[in-house]
Amino acid sequence: MRQRRAGSGLRVAAWVLVPLGLVLMLGGIGYAGTSYEGATVMSEAMAPTYRPGERLLIERTDAGGIRRGDVVLVDVPDRYQGRPVLQRVIGLGGDHVVCCDGGRITVNGKPVDEPYVMRGEVNPGTGDYDVTVPDGRLFLLGDHRANSNDSRFFLSEQSGSVAASGVHGRVQNDSTVPVVAAALGILGIVMAMVGTGLGIGGYVAGRRDRRPVEAVPPWPTA
């Protein structure tokens, strides 16, 4: 009887842990895998913010989620040998971007505060520019303006802009959400494995309890 109760309890625990574990596993790992990707900095173009060899977390986003100041990983098919690059969003579709009044960029007439830019000349070799970003496109610059092959060098091609649809995502400096999601996924795997083990244990205990009792021979009589 005790084995039967123990087996039943183990099976109940398994029925709870396995589905819950699967939900956590698929939800946590699935969310982290579909919402984020990794990227390695390959050049000095974004120094001093990001250095070559640094590993970054990219939060996937669509064109509607991009904001000025975001550092994005973007595909530009006709530039950079087809490789994705990291650059900072200076202007969105419709923005009027002007440089350089005293070395400072303005967007829609307002000066842009850029504490992230590498000290030194901000616009070497390209000269001043005055552009309006076409709809659905982005005007991008590197933080190391003296060492970045960015929108300034392609002004004859739609004002140097790139298609917003080519953005993979933006750099996410806070890794709390993806780490928590991955941890929940791992917890789900452990719970599913434990639940499976308990289910097997309950099945075995139930089988033992159902074994037929051997008949006891009658007590011999004189």
C-alpha atoms as a PDB file:
ATOM      1  CA  MET A   1       0.000   0.000   0.000  1.00  0.00           C
ATOM      2  CA  ARG A   2       2.831   2.396   0.897  1.00  0.00           C
ATOM      3  CA  GLN A   3       4.524   1.701  -2.435  1.00  0.00           C
ATOM      4  CA  ARG A   4       1.268   2.405  -4.248  1.00  0.00           C
ATOM      5  CA  ARG A   5       0.878   5.760  -2.486  1.00  0.00           C
ATOM      6  CA  ALA A   6       4.525   6.628  -3.116  1.00  0.00           C
ATOM      7  CA  GLY A   7       4.218   5.695  -6.789  1.00  0.00           C
ATOM      8  CA  SER A   8       1.069   7.762  -7.161  1.00  0.00           C
ATOM      9  CA  GLY A   9       2.751  10.783  -5.558  1.00  0.00           C
ATOM     10  CA  LEU A  10       5.757  10.487  -7.846  1.00  0.00           C
ATOM     11  CA  ARG A  11       3.545  10.320 -10.905  1.00  0.00           C
ATOM     12  CA  VAL A  12       1.591  13.423  -9.810  1.00  0.00           C
ATOM     13  CA  ALA A  13       4.857  15.316  -9.315  1.00  0.00           C
ATOM     14  CA  ALA A  14       5.967  14.213 -12.778  1.00  0.00           C
ATOM     15  CA  TRP A  15       2.718  15.423 -14.346  1.00  0.00           C
ATOM     16  CA  VAL A  16       3.370  18.861 -12.793  1.00  0.00           C
ATOM     17  CA  LEU A  17       7.125  19.201 -13.345  1.00  0.00           C
ATOM     18  CA  VAL A  18       7.440  17.935 -16.919  1.00  0.00           C
ATOM     19  CA  PRO A  19       4.876  20.269 -18.564  1.00  0.00           C
ATOM     20  CA  LEU A  20       6.016  23.240 -16.478  1.00  0.00           C
ATOM     21  CA  GLY A  21       9.641  22.483 -17.300  1.00  0.00           C
ATOM     22  CA  LEU A  22       8.880  22.264 -21.014  1.00  0.00           C
ATOM     23  CA  VAL A  23       7.052  25.601 -20.923  1.00  0.00           C
ATOM     24  CA  LEU A  24       9.995  27.293 -19.197  1.00  0.00           C
ATOM     25  CA  MET A  25      12.510  25.638 -21.517  1.00  0.00           C
ATOM     26  CA  LEU A  26      10.731  26.537 -24.746  1.00  0.00           C
ATOM     27  CA  GLY A  27       9.725  29.990 -23.536  1.00  0.00           C
ATOM     28  CA  GLY A  28      13.053  31.040 -22.021  1.00  0.00           C
ATOM     29  CA  ILE A  29      15.442  29.626 -24.573  1.00  0.00           C
ATOM     30  CA  GLY A  30      13.068  30.384 -27.437  1.00  0.00           C
ATOM     31  CA  TYR A  31      12.741  34.027 -26.388  1.00  0.00           C
ATOM     32  CA  ALA A  32      16.491  34.504 -25.963  1.00  0.00           C
ATOM     33  CA  GLY A  33      17.210  32.788 -29.286  1.00  0.00           C
ATOM     34  CA  THR A  34      14.681  34.739 -31.322  1.00  0.00           C
ATOM     35  CA  SER A  35      15.128  38.160 -29.670  1.00  0.00           C
ATOM     36  CA  TYR A  36      18.920  38.392 -29.432  1.00  0.00           C
ATOM     37  CA  GLU A  37      22.068  37.551 -31.338  1.00  0.00           C
ATOM     38  CA  GLY A  38      25.778  38.050 -30.760  1.00  0.00           C
ATOM     39  CA  ALA A  39      28.231  40.154 -32.749  1.00  0.00           C
ATOM     40  CA  THR A  40      31.965  40.788 -32.541  1.00  0.00           C
ATOM     41  CA  VAL A  41      33.404  44.266 -33.140  1.00  0.00           C
ATOM     42  CA  MET A  42      35.715  44.020 -36.155  1.00  0.00           C
ATOM     43  CA  SER A  43      37.094  47.561 -36.528  1.00  0.00           C
ATOM     44  CA  GLU A  44      37.957  50.828 -34.748  1.00  0.00           C
ATOM     45  CA  ALA A  45      34.970  52.625 -36.289  1.00  0.00           C
ATOM     46  CA  MET A  46      32.962  52.597 -33.042  1.00  0.00           C
ATOM     47  CA  ALA A  47      35.846  53.385 -30.669  1.00  0.00           C
ATOM     48  CA  PRO A  48      36.001  54.452 -27.912  1.00  0.00           C
ATOM     49  CA  THR A  49      32.510  53.081 -27.248  1.00  0.00           C
ATOM     50  CA  TYR A  50      33.279  49.586 -28.562  1.00  0.00           C
ATOM     51  CA  ARG A  51      36.729  48.174 -29.300  1.00  0.00           C
ATOM     52  CA  PRO A  52      37.831  45.518 -31.830  1.00  0.00           C
ATOM     53  CA  GLY A  53      37.316  42.007 -30.509  1.00  0.00           C
ATOM     54  CA  GLU A  54      34.624  43.061 -28.049  1.00  0.00           C
ATOM     55  CA  ARG A  55      31.611  40.753 -28.002  1.00  0.00           C
ATOM     56  CA  LEU A  56      28.240  42.532 -28.104  1.00  0.00           C
ATOM     57  CA  LEU A  57      24.654  41.518 -27.510  1.00  0.00           C
ATOM     58  CA  ILE A  58      22.309  42.585 -30.318  1.00  0.00           C
ATOM     59  CA  GLU A  59      18.617  43.000 -29.553  1.00  0.00           C
ATOM     60  CA  ARG A  60      16.627  42.281 -32.701  1.00  0.00           C
ATOM     61  CA  THR A  61      14.248  45.064 -33.659  1.00  0.00           C
ATOM     62  CA  ASP A  62      12.250  46.138 -36.678  1.00  0.00           C
ATOM     63  CA  ALA A  63      12.552  49.479 -38.443  1.00  0.00           C
ATOM     64  CA  GLY A  64       9.820  51.024 -36.281  1.00  0.00           C
ATOM     65  CA  GLY A  65      11.780  50.378 -33.085  1.00  0.00           C
ATOM     66  CA  ILE A  66      14.944  52.247 -34.122  1.00  0.00           C
ATOM     67  CA  ARG A  67      15.740  55.512 -32.348  1.00  0.00           C
ATOM     68  CA  ARG A  68      18.336  58.253 -32.836  1.00  0.00           C
ATOM     69  CA  GLY A  69      21.456  57.405 -30.866  1.00  0.00           C
ATOM     70  CA  ASP A  70      21.015  53.632 -31.188  1.00  0.00           C
ATOM     71  CA  VAL A  71      24.077  51.675 -32.257  1.00  0.00           C
ATOM     72  CA  VAL A  72      22.790  49.225 -34.843  1.00  0.00           C
ATOM     73  CA  LEU A  73      24.113  46.186 -36.659  1.00  0.00           C
ATOM     74  CA  VAL A  74      23.087  46.722 -40.262  1.00  0.00           C
ATOM     75  CA  ASP A  75      23.459  45.034 -43.639  1.00  0.00           C
ATOM     76  CA  VAL A  76      24.294  47.352 -46.534  1.00  0.00           C
ATOM     77  CA  PRO A  77      24.450  45.056 -49.601  1.00  0.00           C
ATOM     78  CA  ASP A  78      26.359  47.478 -51.858  1.00  0.00           C
ATOM     79  CA  ARG A  79      28.920  48.524 -49.203  1.00  0.00           C
ATOM     80  CA  TYR A  80      31.440  46.914 -46.880  1.00  0.00           C
ATOM     81  CA  GLN A  81      31.793  43.773 -49.035  1.00  0.00           C
ATOM     82  CA  GLY A  82      28.351  42.641 -47.947  1.00  0.00           C
ATOM     83  CA  ARG A  83      29.315  42.310 -44.281  1.00  0.00           C
ATOM     84  CA  PRO A  84      27.134  43.773 -41.502  1.00  0.00           C
ATOM     85  CA  VAL A  85      28.598  46.809 -39.736  1.00  0.00           C
ATOM     86  CA  LEU A  86      28.084  48.615 -36.444  1.00  0.00           C
ATOM     87  CA  GLN A  87      27.202  52.311 -36.728  1.00  0.00           C
ATOM     88  CA  ARG A  88      25.267  54.879 -34.743  1.00  0.00           C
ATOM     89  CA  VAL A  89      21.910  56.262 -35.873  1.00  0.00           C
ATOM     90  CA  ILE A  90      22.153  60.031 -36.333  1.00  0.00           C
ATOM     91  CA  GLY A  91      19.105  60.650 -38.510  1.00  0.00           C
ATOM     92  CA  LEU A  92      15.828  58.858 -39.226  1.00  0.00           C
ATOM     93  CA  GLY A  93      13.644  59.145 -42.309  1.00  0.00           C
ATOM     94  CA  GLY A  94      12.624  62.775 -42.828  1.00  0.00           C
ATOM     95  CA  ASP A  95      15.355  64.228 -40.572  1.00  0.00           C
ATOM     96  CA  HIS A  96      17.437  67.192 -41.732  1.00  0.00           C
ATOM     97  CA  VAL A  97      21.076  66.517 -40.803  1.00  0.00           C
ATOM     98  CA  VAL A  98      23.678  69.298 -41.072  1.00  0.00           C
ATOM     99  CA  CYS A  99      27.384  69.350 -40.294  1.00  0.00           C
ATOM    100  CA  CYS A 100      29.467  71.094 -39.224  1.00  0.00           C
ATOM    101  CA  ASP A 101      28.859  74.425 -37.533  1.00  0.00           C
ATOM    102  CA  GLY A 102      31.857  74.608 -35.223  1.00  0.00           C
ATOM    103  CA  GLY A 103      32.284  70.852 -35.536  1.00  0.00           C
ATOM    104  CA  ARG A 104      28.834  70.034 -34.193  1.00  0.00           C
ATOM    105  CA  ILE A 105      26.044  68.125 -35.953  1.00  0.00           C
ATOM    106  CA  THR A 106      22.483  69.424 -35.906  1.00  0.00           C
ATOM    107  CA  VAL A 107      19.367  67.352 -36.562  1.00  0.00           C
ATOM    108  CA  ASN A 108      16.251  69.301 -37.487  1.00  0.00           C
ATOM    109  CA  GLY A 109      18.014  72.460 -36.328  1.00  0.00           C
ATOM    110  CA  LYS A 110      18.929  71.141 -32.885  1.00  0.00           C
ATOM    111  CA  PRO A 111      22.578  70.484 -31.903  1.00  0.00           C
ATOM    112  CA  VAL A 112      23.310  66.831 -31.097  1.00  0.00           C
ATOM    113  CA  ASP A 113      25.182  66.115 -27.871  1.00  0.00           C
ATOM    114  CA  GLU A 114      27.729  63.395 -28.682  1.00  0.00           C
ATOM    115  CA  PRO A 115      29.815  62.521 -25.603  1.00  0.00           C
ATOM    116  CA  TYR A 116      30.586  59.133 -27.170  1.00  0.00           C
ATOM    117  CA  VAL A 117      32.600  60.519 -30.118  1.00  0.00           C
ATOM    118  CA  MET A 118      36.363  59.975 -30.196  1.00  0.00           C
ATOM    119  CA  ARG A 119      38.164  63.212 -29.495  1.00  0.00           C
ATOM    120  CA  GLY A 120      39.739  64.905 -32.485  1.00  0.00           C
ATOM    121  CA  GLU A 121      38.540  66.098 -35.850  1.00  0.00           C
ATOM    122  CA  VAL A 122      34.960  64.903 -36.368  1.00  0.00           C
ATOM    123  CA  ASN A 123      34.656  65.265 -40.122  1.00  0.00           C
ATOM    124  CA  PRO A 124      38.057  64.750 -41.776  1.00  0.00           C
ATOM    125  CA  GLY A 125      38.207  64.268 -45.534  1.00  0.00           C
ATOM    126  CA  THR A 126      34.476  64.627 -46.172  1.00  0.00           C
ATOM    127  CA  GLY A 127      33.682  68.295 -45.758  1.00  0.00           C
ATOM    128  CA  ASP A 128      30.426  69.803 -44.572  1.00  0.00           C
ATOM    129  CA  TYR A 129      27.085  68.280 -45.545  1.00  0.00           C
ATOM    130  CA  ASP A 130      23.443  69.236 -45.470  1.00  0.00           C
ATOM    131  CA  VAL A 131      21.082  66.324 -46.168  1.00  0.00           C
ATOM    132  CA  THR A 132      17.512  65.207 -45.652  1.00  0.00           C
ATOM    133  CA  VAL A 133      17.193  61.506 -44.889  1.00  0.00           C
ATOM    134  CA  PRO A 134      14.725  59.727 -47.223  1.00  0.00           C
ATOM    135  CA  ASP A 135      11.773  57.953 -45.645  1.00  0.00           C
ATOM    136  CA  GLY A 136      12.496  54.401 -44.552  1.00  0.00           C
ATOM    137  CA  ARG A 137      16.227  55.047 -44.357  1.00  0.00           C
ATOM    138  CA  LEU A 138      18.862  55.965 -41.758  1.00  0.00           C
ATOM    139  CA  PHE A 139      21.845  58.307 -41.662  1.00  0.00           C
ATOM    140  CA  LEU A 140      24.636  56.495 -39.787  1.00  0.00           C
ATOM    141  CA  LEU A 141      28.019  57.556 -38.413  1.00  0.00           C
ATOM    142  CA  GLY A 142      30.784  55.814 -36.506  1.00  0.00           C
ATOM    143  CA  ASP A 143      31.904  57.122 -33.127  1.00  0.00           C
ATOM    144  CA  HIS A 144      35.518  57.290 -34.340  1.00  0.00           C
ATOM    145  CA  ARG A 145      34.787  59.879 -37.028  1.00  0.00           C
ATOM    146  CA  ALA A 146      38.410  59.949 -38.243  1.00  0.00           C
ATOM    147  CA  ASN A 147      38.331  56.195 -38.892  1.00  0.00           C
ATOM    148  CA  SER A 148      34.795  55.329 -39.976  1.00  0.00           C
ATOM    149  CA  ASN A 149      33.573  54.669 -43.518  1.00  0.00           C
ATOM    150  CA  ASP A 150      30.006  55.774 -42.889  1.00  0.00           C
ATOM    151  CA  SER A 151      27.170  57.789 -44.469  1.00  0.00           C
ATOM    152  CA  ARG A 152      29.412  60.848 -45.018  1.00  0.00           C
ATOM    153  CA  PHE A 153      31.278  58.998 -47.775  1.00  0.00           C
ATOM    154  CA  PHE A 154      28.154  58.040 -49.756  1.00  0.00           C
ATOM    155  CA  LEU A 155      26.254  61.335 -49.912  1.00  0.00           C
ATOM    156  CA  SER A 156      25.517  60.888 -53.621  1.00  0.00           C
ATOM    157  CA  GLU A 157      23.602  57.682 -52.820  1.00  0.00           C
ATOM    158  CA  GLN A 158      20.306  58.784 -51.255  1.00  0.00           C
ATOM    159  CA  SER A 159      22.103  61.290 -49.027  1.00  0.00           C
ATOM    160  CA  GLY A 160      24.417  58.590 -47.726  1.00  0.00           C
ATOM    161  CA  SER A 161      21.541  56.801 -45.996  1.00  0.00           C
ATOM    162  CA  VAL A 162      20.947  53.070 -45.684  1.00  0.00           C
ATOM    163  CA  ALA A 163      17.693  51.125 -45.694  1.00  0.00           C
ATOM    164  CA  ALA A 164      16.205  50.712 -42.217  1.00  0.00           C
ATOM    165  CA  SER A 165      15.027  47.259 -43.296  1.00  0.00           C
ATOM    166  CA  GLY A 166      18.673  46.126 -43.313  1.00  0.00           C
ATOM    167  CA  VAL A 167      19.014  46.541 -39.537  1.00  0.00           C
ATOM    168  CA  HIS A 168      19.521  43.294 -37.595  1.00  0.00           C
ATOM    169  CA  GLY A 169      19.040  45.019 -34.262  1.00  0.00           C
ATOM    170  CA  ARG A 170      20.579  47.456 -31.786  1.00  0.00           C
ATOM    171  CA  VAL A 171      23.343  46.938 -29.256  1.00  0.00           C
ATOM    172  CA  GLN A 172      21.922  46.038 -25.867  1.00  0.00           C
ATOM    173  CA  ASN A 173      24.291  46.968 -23.045  1.00  0.00           C
ATOM    174  CA  ASP A 174      22.025  45.557 -20.323  1.00  0.00           C
ATOM    175  CA  SER A 175      22.092  41.751 -20.547  1.00  0.00           C
ATOM    176  CA  THR A 176      19.692  41.167 -17.641  1.00  0.00           C
ATOM    177  CA  VAL A 177      16.670  40.147 -19.733  1.00  0.00           C
ATOM    178  CA  PRO A 178      18.420  37.619 -22.016  1.00  0.00           C
ATOM    179  CA  VAL A 179      20.379  36.150 -19.099  1.00  0.00           C
ATOM    180  CA  VAL A 180      17.197  35.685 -17.058  1.00  0.00           C
ATOM    181  CA  ALA A 181      15.433  34.162 -20.076  1.00  0.00           C
ATOM    182  CA  ALA A 182      18.282  31.721 -20.665  1.00  0.00           C
ATOM    183  CA  ALA A 183      18.368  30.842 -16.944  1.00  0.00           C
ATOM    184  CA  LEU A 184      14.645  30.092 -16.986  1.00  0.00           C
ATOM    185  CA  GLY A 185      15.191  27.880 -20.015  1.00  0.00           C
ATOM    186  CA  ILE A 186      17.925  25.940 -18.219  1.00  0.00           C
ATOM    187  CA  LEU A 187      15.721  25.651 -15.127  1.00  0.00           C
ATOM    188  CA  GLY A 188      12.988  24.278 -17.365  1.00  0.00           C
ATOM    189  CA  ILE A 189      15.338  21.602 -18.724  1.00  0.00           C
ATOM    190  CA  VAL A 190      16.271  20.544 -15.181  1.00  0.00           C
ATOM    191  CA  MET A 191      12.621  20.452 -14.084  1.00  0.00           C
ATOM    192  CA  ALA A 192      11.622  18.367 -17.106  1.00  0.00           C
ATOM    193  CA  MET A 193      14.467  15.907 -16.452  1.00  0.00           C
ATOM    194  CA  VAL A 194      13.603  15.634 -12.744  1.00  0.00           C
ATOM    195  CA  GLY A 195       9.931  15.184 -13.585  1.00  0.00           C
ATOM    196  CA  THR A 196      10.753  12.459 -16.082  1.00  0.00           C
ATOM    197  CA  GLY A 197      12.846  10.678 -13.446  1.00  0.00           C
ATOM    198  CA  LEU A 198      10.052  10.900 -10.900  1.00  0.00           C
ATOM    199  CA  GLY A 199       7.581   9.582 -13.435  1.00  0.00           C
ATOM    200  CA  ILE A 200       9.768   6.566 -14.126  1.00  0.00           C
ATOM    201  CA  GLY A 201      10.191   6.024 -10.384  1.00  0.00           C
ATOM    202  CA  GLY A 202       6.433   6.192  -9.846  1.00  0.00           C
ATOM    203  CA  TYR A 203       5.814   3.718 -12.652  1.00  0.00           C
ATOM    204  CA  VAL A 204       8.332   1.251 -11.206  1.00  0.00           C
ATOM    205  CA  ALA A 205       6.891   1.625  -7.702  1.00  0.00           C
ATOM    206  CA  GLY A 206       3.392   1.024  -9.030  1.00  0.00           C
ATOM    207  CA  ARG A 207       4.477  -2.082 -10.881  1.00  0.00           C
ATOM    208  CA  ARG A 208       6.056  -3.503  -7.756  1.00  0.00           C
ATOM    209  CA  ASP A 209       2.931  -2.858  -5.721  1.00  0.00           C
ATOM    210  CA  ARG A 210       0.794  -4.708  -8.253  1.00  0.00           C
ATOM    211  CA  ARG A 211       2.866  -7.934  -8.184  1.00  0.00           C
ATOM    212  CA  PRO A 212       0.727 -10.930  -7.171  1.00  0.00           C
ATOM    213  CA  VAL A 213       1.188 -12.184  -3.633  1.00  0.00           C
ATOM    214  CA  GLU A 214       2.477 -15.742  -3.483  1.00  0.00           C
ATOM    215  CA  ALA A 215      -0.038 -18.185  -2.069  1.00  0.00           C
ATOM    216  CA  VAL A 216       0.827 -19.476   1.392  1.00  0.00           C
ATOM    217  CA  PRO A 217       0.415 -23.222   1.675  1.00  0.00           C
ATOM    218  CA  PRO A 218      -2.113 -24.343   4.293  1.00  0.00           C
ATOM    219  CA  TRP A 219      -0.750 -25.183   7.726  1.00  0.00           C
ATOM    220  CA  PRO A 220      -0.272 -28.921   7.892  1.00  0.00           C
ATOM    221  CA  THR A 221      -2.662 -30.734  10.147  1.00  0.00           C
ATOM    222  CA  ALA A 222      -2.132 -33.984  12.022  1.00  0.00           C
END
